[in-house]
Amino acid sequence: MLPYKTIQEASAVLGRNLSTAETIWFNYSANKSDYFLYCHNIVFLFVVFSLIPLPLVFIELARLAGFDRYKIQPKVRLSWPEMFRCYKDVVCNNFLPIIVPLQLVSYPSIKMIGIRTGLPLPSGWEMFAQLLVYFLIEDYTNYWIHRFLHNKWGYEKIHRVHHEYTAPIGYAAPYAHWAEVLILGIPSFLGPAMVPGHMITFWLWISLRNIEAIDTHSGYDFPWNPTKYIPFYGGAEYHDYHHYVGGQSQSNFASVFTYCDYIYGTDKGYRYQKKIFQKLKGELKGNGEQNGAPLHVLSFWSLAADALISTGLADLGYLYLNIDDCWSNTTRNSEVMNSQNPFFLGILQDNEQGFESFDSSILMSTPHSDVNVHQSSPQVEMG
């Protein structure tokens, strides 16, 4: 609640006339308690979560021409009942029993750290600087918590719920175990606690952070997305790789930016796969066909190569990757390429720059393969 009864009194204290924004803020907040203003976050969170994903839900269900090319995993389609179930689960299991009560009881901490509601309002540059700090602090802290949740205990007990969606949608951004909702609330609060600002900045921070989470879980990578111009921003394609790989993923832990994964070496699998995808795109374009399969499927073997790197086997000398989906055939002829159930044959061989050169023939599109990783002898099966 503002300590001024009139705009004239506020102007006299500030020594100047109120700006248009400050006048609007005065008229709205003068007779409202700080607690009531803080609880606006509940409304903002619900509106953002309910409305922001809707355009992509419509695009997904309507199968609008021209948009399929931007879907990261085009063969995964969720029905409206499946999407609504995700929305309902988040509202009933997380928002109402966890987030709303947490907002209602956490006001003393907001008061303690110094989030203010009075005049003057912060300048645009002040808000921008504070929001940037909030994003950086949240991203760094979230990286380590997320990485911890991918250990055996953290994943099986908590984080596996979020990974039920291997091809994420906007409504799946906050779809998680209740404990994860509480744990990941800590990084979001640290920034405002370290650099407290105005309540409006806090509202904007909570809203933008949730919009960003919905964007990275959208399942679409649009070239006109304005986030493409944000340095080191991960985006939907970056985070989709993390969901696609699933529980065994040791890549792309960052929530917003990519610098933590780069510094700590947890984006090698993604960068390697992206490089191979570009090479495959060139080959497929040259051949004039893609067999109707998404690149994730056509490059299924690259995940096994990622495992070579992330587990340290490559450093021990395991440098070759053989992929063969013909193991289930009862008979084989001298030419495997003529077999009834081939995936493709390929050999990845490292050079001084790492796993870069390969020779492969894509024979058909199927996401299943039996992978043998070997170094002459012994042989390690991964499949």
Protein backbone atom coordinates (compact mmCIF):
# COMPACT_ATOMS: atom_id res chain seq x y z
CA MET A 1 0.00 0.00 0.00
CA LEU A 2 1.42 3.36 -1.01
CA PRO A 3 2.07 5.89 1.76
CA TYR A 4 0.43 8.69 -0.24
CA LYS A 5 -3.22 9.65 -0.21
CA THR A 6 -3.20 11.68 -3.42
CA ILE A 7 -1.18 11.99 -6.61
CA GLN A 8 -0.30 15.54 -5.60
CA GLU A 9 1.19 14.28 -2.34
CA ALA A 10 3.21 11.65 -4.20
CA SER A 11 4.46 14.28 -6.65
CA ALA A 12 5.49 16.55 -3.79
CA VAL A 13 7.51 13.76 -2.14
CA LEU A 14 9.20 12.80 -5.43
CA GLY A 15 9.84 16.44 -6.33
CA ARG A 16 8.39 16.01 -9.82
CA ASN A 17 5.22 15.08 -11.63
CA LEU A 18 4.41 11.39 -11.86
CA SER A 19 4.98 9.72 -15.20
CA THR A 20 2.05 8.11 -17.00
CA ALA A 21 3.12 4.66 -15.79
CA GLU A 22 3.50 5.91 -12.22
CA THR A 23 0.06 7.52 -12.34
CA ILE A 24 -1.49 4.25 -13.50
CA TRP A 25 0.37 2.38 -10.77
CA PHE A 26 -0.76 4.87 -8.13
CA ASN A 27 -4.40 4.64 -9.17
CA TYR A 28 -4.27 0.84 -9.09
CA SER A 29 -2.14 0.11 -6.03
CA ALA A 30 -2.67 3.03 -3.66
CA ASN A 31 -5.35 1.26 -1.59
CA LYS A 32 -4.17 -2.34 -2.06
CA SER A 33 -1.98 -4.18 0.41
CA ASP A 34 1.47 -5.41 -0.60
CA TYR A 35 0.33 -8.96 0.13
CA PHE A 36 -2.57 -8.61 -2.29
CA LEU A 37 -0.23 -7.25 -4.97
CA TYR A 38 2.19 -10.12 -4.43
CA CYS A 39 -0.60 -12.67 -4.85
CA HIS A 40 -1.17 -11.37 -8.38
CA ASN A 41 1.53 -13.88 -9.32
CA ILE A 42 -1.03 -16.65 -8.96
CA VAL A 43 -3.21 -15.07 -11.64
CA PHE A 44 -0.25 -14.33 -13.93
CA LEU A 45 1.06 -17.90 -13.66
CA PHE A 46 -2.33 -19.41 -14.44
CA VAL A 47 -3.02 -17.09 -17.39
CA VAL A 48 0.44 -17.61 -18.89
CA PHE A 49 0.27 -21.39 -18.54
CA SER A 50 -3.29 -21.59 -19.89
CA LEU A 51 -3.03 -19.22 -22.86
CA ILE A 52 0.55 -19.11 -24.17
CA PRO A 53 0.60 -22.75 -25.45
CA LEU A 54 -2.81 -22.44 -27.16
CA PRO A 55 -1.62 -21.20 -30.60
CA LEU A 56 0.67 -24.22 -30.99
CA VAL A 57 -2.07 -26.53 -29.73
CA PHE A 58 -4.27 -25.21 -32.53
CA ILE A 59 -1.46 -25.62 -35.08
CA GLU A 60 -0.79 -29.16 -33.90
CA LEU A 61 -4.42 -30.26 -34.01
CA ALA A 62 -5.33 -28.46 -37.23
CA ARG A 63 -2.20 -29.69 -39.04
CA LEU A 64 -1.93 -26.31 -40.73
CA ALA A 65 -0.05 -26.42 -44.01
CA GLY A 66 3.44 -25.02 -43.83
CA PHE A 67 3.94 -25.56 -40.10
CA ASP A 68 4.87 -29.25 -40.10
CA ARG A 69 8.34 -28.41 -41.37
CA TYR A 70 9.04 -26.58 -38.12
CA LYS A 71 7.96 -29.41 -35.81
CA ILE A 72 11.07 -30.93 -34.29
CA GLN A 73 9.65 -34.45 -34.01
CA PRO A 74 7.05 -34.44 -36.80
CA LYS A 75 5.96 -38.06 -36.38
CA VAL A 76 4.88 -37.54 -32.77
CA ARG A 77 1.34 -36.16 -32.62
CA LEU A 78 -0.73 -35.77 -29.49
CA SER A 79 -4.51 -35.70 -29.59
CA TRP A 80 -6.61 -33.06 -27.86
CA PRO A 81 -7.55 -35.47 -25.01
CA GLU A 82 -3.84 -36.17 -24.43
CA MET A 83 -3.00 -32.47 -24.37
CA PHE A 84 -5.90 -31.68 -22.07
CA ARG A 85 -4.86 -34.49 -19.74
CA CYS A 86 -1.41 -32.89 -19.47
CA TYR A 87 -2.99 -29.50 -18.75
CA LYS A 88 -5.37 -30.97 -16.18
CA ASP A 89 -2.59 -32.92 -14.44
CA VAL A 90 -0.47 -29.78 -14.07
CA VAL A 91 -3.38 -27.74 -12.70
CA CYS A 92 -4.70 -30.43 -10.35
CA ASN A 93 -1.41 -31.98 -9.21
CA ASN A 94 0.96 -29.00 -9.19
CA PHE A 95 -0.73 -25.62 -9.53
CA LEU A 96 -3.59 -25.91 -7.05
CA PRO A 97 -1.98 -28.05 -4.30
CA ILE A 98 1.63 -26.78 -4.58
CA ILE A 99 2.08 -23.45 -6.35
CA VAL A 100 -0.97 -21.60 -5.01
CA PRO A 101 -0.33 -22.43 -1.33
CA LEU A 102 3.36 -21.65 -1.78
CA GLN A 103 2.50 -18.22 -3.16
CA LEU A 104 0.07 -17.56 -0.33
CA VAL A 105 2.55 -18.34 2.46
CA SER A 106 5.80 -17.03 0.95
CA TYR A 107 5.04 -13.31 1.21
CA PRO A 108 7.15 -12.79 4.39
CA SER A 109 10.24 -13.88 2.46
CA ILE A 110 9.43 -11.36 -0.28
CA LYS A 111 9.08 -8.64 2.32
CA MET A 112 12.31 -9.71 4.00
CA ILE A 113 14.46 -9.51 0.84
CA GLY A 114 13.12 -6.04 0.02
CA ILE A 115 10.79 -6.34 -2.97
CA ARG A 116 9.13 -2.92 -2.96
CA THR A 117 5.79 -1.67 -4.24
CA GLY A 118 6.17 2.09 -3.88
CA LEU A 119 7.25 4.98 -6.06
CA PRO A 120 9.25 5.80 -8.07
CA LEU A 121 8.91 2.99 -10.57
CA PRO A 122 12.13 1.49 -11.93
CA SER A 123 13.37 2.67 -15.30
CA GLY A 124 13.30 0.39 -18.30
CA TRP A 125 17.07 -0.10 -18.17
CA GLU A 126 16.94 -0.94 -14.46
CA MET A 127 14.28 -3.57 -15.08
CA PHE A 128 16.22 -5.00 -18.03
CA ALA A 129 19.43 -5.27 -15.99
CA GLN A 130 17.66 -6.95 -13.08
CA LEU A 131 15.82 -9.40 -15.35
CA LEU A 132 19.10 -10.32 -17.04
CA VAL A 133 20.67 -11.03 -13.65
CA TYR A 134 17.64 -13.11 -12.66
CA PHE A 135 17.87 -15.20 -15.83
CA LEU A 136 21.62 -15.77 -15.43
CA ILE A 137 21.35 -16.77 -11.77
CA GLU A 138 18.37 -19.02 -12.41
CA ASP A 139 20.03 -20.64 -15.41
CA TYR A 140 23.28 -21.43 -13.57
CA THR A 141 21.55 -22.78 -10.46
CA ASN A 142 18.99 -24.72 -12.46
CA TYR A 143 21.78 -26.32 -14.49
CA TRP A 144 23.31 -28.00 -11.45
CA ILE A 145 19.99 -29.02 -9.92
CA HIS A 146 18.83 -30.45 -13.23
CA ARG A 147 22.12 -32.28 -13.63
CA PHE A 148 21.71 -33.76 -10.14
CA LEU A 149 18.20 -34.93 -11.02
CA HIS A 150 19.71 -37.03 -13.80
CA ASN A 151 21.63 -39.25 -11.43
CA LYS A 152 20.08 -42.65 -10.82
CA TRP A 153 18.25 -41.76 -7.61
CA GLY A 154 17.11 -38.29 -8.70
CA TYR A 155 15.79 -39.51 -12.01
CA GLU A 156 13.97 -42.61 -10.79
CA LYS A 157 12.43 -40.94 -7.74
CA ILE A 158 11.63 -37.48 -9.11
CA HIS A 159 12.68 -36.34 -12.58
CA ARG A 160 11.34 -39.25 -14.63
CA VAL A 161 7.83 -37.74 -14.38
CA HIS A 162 8.89 -34.72 -16.42
CA HIS A 163 10.49 -36.99 -19.02
CA GLU A 164 7.27 -38.88 -19.70
CA TYR A 165 7.00 -36.51 -22.66
CA THR A 166 9.88 -37.46 -24.96
CA ALA A 167 8.45 -35.06 -27.53
CA PRO A 168 7.47 -32.14 -25.27
CA ILE A 169 4.58 -29.73 -25.71
CA GLY A 170 4.02 -26.33 -24.12
CA TYR A 171 1.69 -27.69 -21.45
CA ALA A 172 4.38 -30.17 -20.39
CA ALA A 173 6.79 -27.40 -19.32
CA PRO A 174 5.65 -27.52 -15.64
CA TYR A 175 4.58 -31.18 -15.82
CA ALA A 176 6.72 -32.66 -13.06
CA HIS A 177 6.84 -34.43 -9.72
CA TRP A 178 5.67 -32.19 -6.88
CA ALA A 179 9.13 -32.34 -5.31
CA GLU A 180 10.70 -31.07 -8.52
CA VAL A 181 8.28 -28.15 -8.58
CA LEU A 182 9.47 -27.16 -5.11
CA ILE A 183 13.16 -27.75 -5.82
CA LEU A 184 13.21 -25.79 -9.07
CA GLY A 185 11.41 -22.92 -7.38
CA ILE A 186 14.67 -22.16 -5.55
CA PRO A 187 16.59 -20.93 -8.65
CA SER A 188 13.66 -18.71 -9.63
CA PHE A 189 13.71 -17.03 -6.21
CA LEU A 190 17.49 -16.60 -5.90
CA GLY A 191 17.79 -13.76 -8.41
CA PRO A 192 15.20 -11.48 -6.77
CA ALA A 193 16.67 -12.39 -3.37
CA MET A 194 20.16 -11.31 -4.43
CA VAL A 195 19.11 -8.26 -6.47
CA PRO A 196 15.71 -7.16 -5.13
CA GLY A 197 13.64 -4.85 -7.29
CA HIS A 198 10.12 -3.59 -7.71
CA MET A 199 7.03 -5.79 -7.54
CA ILE A 200 6.35 -5.07 -11.22
CA THR A 201 9.81 -6.41 -12.09
CA PHE A 202 9.08 -9.49 -10.00
CA TRP A 203 5.76 -10.04 -11.81
CA LEU A 204 7.50 -9.67 -15.15
CA TRP A 205 10.27 -12.07 -14.13
CA ILE A 206 7.88 -14.84 -13.09
CA SER A 207 5.83 -14.42 -16.27
CA LEU A 208 8.83 -14.32 -18.63
CA ARG A 209 10.45 -17.33 -17.00
CA ASN A 210 7.31 -19.38 -17.54
CA ILE A 211 6.90 -18.13 -21.12
CA GLU A 212 10.50 -19.17 -21.76
CA ALA A 213 9.85 -22.64 -20.32
CA ILE A 214 6.79 -23.04 -22.54
CA ASP A 215 8.81 -21.92 -25.56
CA THR A 216 11.61 -24.44 -24.97
CA HIS A 217 9.03 -27.23 -24.53
CA SER A 218 6.89 -26.18 -27.49
CA GLY A 219 8.18 -28.84 -29.89
CA TYR A 220 8.48 -26.28 -32.69
CA ASP A 221 11.56 -24.45 -33.93
CA PHE A 222 10.42 -21.38 -35.86
CA PRO A 223 13.11 -19.40 -37.69
CA TRP A 224 11.26 -16.14 -36.96
CA ASN A 225 11.20 -16.69 -33.20
CA PRO A 226 12.63 -13.48 -31.66
CA THR A 227 14.63 -15.56 -29.18
CA LYS A 228 16.89 -16.49 -32.11
CA TYR A 229 18.50 -13.08 -31.61
CA ILE A 230 19.31 -13.65 -27.93
CA PRO A 231 22.99 -14.66 -27.53
CA PHE A 232 23.52 -18.18 -26.15
CA TYR A 233 19.78 -18.86 -25.95
CA GLY A 234 19.03 -22.58 -26.15
CA GLY A 235 15.47 -22.71 -27.41
CA ALA A 236 13.12 -25.52 -28.34
CA GLU A 237 15.49 -27.51 -30.54
CA TYR A 238 18.19 -27.48 -27.86
CA HIS A 239 15.92 -28.71 -25.09
CA ASP A 240 14.01 -31.11 -27.33
CA TYR A 241 17.22 -33.11 -27.76
CA HIS A 242 17.38 -33.53 -23.98
CA HIS A 243 13.83 -34.91 -23.87
CA TYR A 244 14.34 -37.10 -26.93
CA VAL A 245 17.36 -38.84 -25.42
CA GLY A 246 15.44 -39.30 -22.17
CA GLY A 247 16.61 -40.54 -18.81
CA GLN A 248 20.08 -41.52 -19.98
CA SER A 249 20.67 -38.00 -21.29
CA GLN A 250 23.81 -36.31 -20.05
CA SER A 251 23.43 -33.36 -22.40
CA ASN A 252 21.69 -29.98 -22.50
CA PHE A 253 20.85 -29.48 -18.83
CA ALA A 254 20.61 -25.68 -18.98
CA SER A 255 17.16 -24.15 -18.73
CA VAL A 256 17.71 -20.96 -20.75
CA PHE A 257 21.22 -20.36 -22.08
CA THR A 258 23.83 -22.75 -23.46
CA TYR A 259 27.00 -21.47 -21.81
CA CYS A 260 26.92 -23.85 -18.80
CA ASP A 261 26.61 -26.92 -21.00
CA TYR A 262 29.46 -25.65 -23.17
CA ILE A 263 31.75 -24.78 -20.24
CA TYR A 264 31.17 -28.07 -18.42
CA GLY A 265 31.15 -30.23 -21.54
CA THR A 266 27.57 -31.47 -21.33
CA ASP A 267 26.58 -30.43 -24.83
CA LYS A 268 29.06 -32.58 -26.76
CA GLY A 269 26.46 -35.15 -27.73
CA TYR A 270 24.08 -32.47 -28.97
CA ARG A 271 26.73 -30.59 -30.94
CA TYR A 272 27.99 -33.83 -32.42
CA GLN A 273 24.49 -34.94 -33.38
CA LYS A 274 23.66 -31.55 -34.87
CA LYS A 275 26.79 -31.70 -37.00
CA ILE A 276 25.87 -35.17 -38.24
CA PHE A 277 22.29 -34.05 -38.90
CA GLN A 278 23.55 -31.31 -41.17
CA LYS A 279 25.66 -33.84 -43.02
CA LEU A 280 22.70 -36.21 -43.31
CA LYS A 281 20.49 -33.41 -44.58
CA GLY A 282 22.97 -32.77 -47.33
CA GLU A 283 23.13 -36.45 -48.25
CA LEU A 284 19.37 -36.89 -48.18
CA LYS A 285 18.81 -33.74 -50.19
CA GLY A 286 21.33 -34.97 -52.71
CA ASN A 287 19.55 -38.31 -52.91
CA GLY A 288 16.22 -36.54 -53.30
CA GLU A 289 14.47 -38.52 -50.55
CA GLN A 290 14.13 -38.78 -46.80
CA ASN A 291 12.11 -41.99 -46.60
CA GLY A 292 9.49 -40.04 -44.67
CA ALA A 293 11.46 -40.20 -41.43
CA PRO A 294 12.51 -37.40 -39.08
CA LEU A 295 16.19 -36.79 -38.61
CA HIS A 296 16.01 -38.11 -35.05
CA VAL A 297 15.08 -41.51 -36.47
CA LEU A 298 17.46 -41.42 -39.41
CA SER A 299 20.30 -40.70 -36.98
CA PHE A 300 19.34 -43.07 -34.21
CA TRP A 301 22.85 -44.44 -34.25
CA SER A 302 24.24 -41.03 -33.28
CA LEU A 303 22.78 -41.52 -29.80
CA ALA A 304 24.96 -44.60 -29.41
CA ALA A 305 27.95 -42.54 -30.50
CA ASP A 306 26.92 -39.96 -27.90
CA ALA A 307 27.06 -42.74 -25.30
CA LEU A 308 30.60 -43.58 -26.39
CA ILE A 309 31.66 -40.04 -25.56
CA SER A 310 29.59 -39.42 -22.42
CA THR A 311 30.60 -42.71 -20.76
CA GLY A 312 34.30 -42.20 -21.48
CA LEU A 313 34.59 -45.31 -23.66
CA ALA A 314 36.02 -43.26 -26.52
CA ASP A 315 38.91 -42.17 -24.31
CA LEU A 316 39.65 -45.84 -23.63
CA GLY A 317 39.99 -46.60 -27.32
CA TYR A 318 36.50 -47.70 -28.31
CA LEU A 319 36.45 -45.86 -31.61
CA TYR A 320 34.15 -47.86 -33.88
CA LEU A 321 30.39 -48.12 -33.98
CA ASN A 322 28.65 -50.86 -35.96
CA ILE A 323 24.89 -50.74 -36.38
CA ASP A 324 22.91 -53.71 -37.68
CA ASP A 325 19.18 -54.33 -37.38
CA CYS A 326 19.33 -57.73 -39.05
CA TRP A 327 20.13 -59.70 -35.92
CA SER A 328 16.56 -61.01 -35.65
CA ASN A 329 16.59 -62.56 -39.12
CA THR A 330 16.75 -66.36 -39.04
CA THR A 331 18.80 -66.45 -42.22
CA ARG A 332 21.28 -64.11 -43.88
CA ASN A 333 22.70 -63.96 -47.32
CA SER A 334 26.10 -62.72 -48.36
CA GLU A 335 24.79 -59.22 -48.95
CA VAL A 336 23.22 -57.74 -45.84
CA MET A 337 21.82 -54.88 -47.88
CA ASN A 338 19.43 -57.37 -49.50
CA SER A 339 18.20 -58.62 -46.15
CA GLN A 340 14.51 -58.24 -45.37
CA ASN A 341 14.90 -56.12 -42.25
CA PRO A 342 17.86 -53.78 -42.60
CA PHE A 343 18.25 -50.45 -40.81
CA PHE A 344 21.53 -49.30 -42.28
CA LEU A 345 25.19 -50.18 -42.16
CA GLY A 346 27.60 -47.62 -40.90
CA ILE A 347 31.02 -47.19 -39.47
CA LEU A 348 32.03 -44.20 -37.43
CA GLN A 349 35.73 -43.75 -37.25
CA ASP A 350 37.37 -41.03 -35.24
CA ASN A 351 40.17 -38.83 -36.40
CA GLU A 352 42.17 -36.08 -34.77
CA GLN A 353 39.07 -33.90 -34.49
CA GLY A 354 36.89 -36.64 -32.98
CA PHE A 355 34.00 -38.61 -34.46
CA GLU A 356 33.65 -36.80 -37.76
CA SER A 357 34.07 -39.12 -40.73
CA PHE A 358 31.50 -41.74 -41.52
CA ASP A 359 30.30 -43.88 -44.37
CA SER A 360 26.69 -44.99 -44.29
CA SER A 361 23.84 -46.14 -46.48
CA ILE A 362 20.35 -45.39 -45.25
CA LEU A 363 18.20 -48.31 -46.28
CA MET A 364 14.92 -47.83 -44.47
CA SER A 365 13.40 -45.83 -41.63
CA THR A 366 12.93 -47.60 -38.33
CA PRO A 367 13.85 -46.35 -34.86
CA HIS A 368 15.17 -49.72 -33.69
CA SER A 369 18.73 -50.95 -33.94
CA ASP A 370 21.10 -53.35 -32.26
CA VAL A 371 24.30 -51.51 -31.51
CA ASN A 372 27.65 -53.19 -31.04
CA VAL A 373 30.48 -50.97 -29.90
CA HIS A 374 33.83 -52.66 -30.16
CA GLN A 375 37.56 -52.22 -30.18
CA SER A 376 38.54 -55.40 -31.98
CA SER A 377 38.34 -57.25 -28.67
CA PRO A 378 36.67 -57.17 -26.21
CA GLN A 379 33.17 -56.32 -27.44
CA VAL A 380 30.64 -54.18 -25.58
CA GLU A 381 26.99 -54.36 -26.54
CA MET A 382 24.87 -51.23 -26.28
CA GLY A 383 21.40 -51.64 -27.65
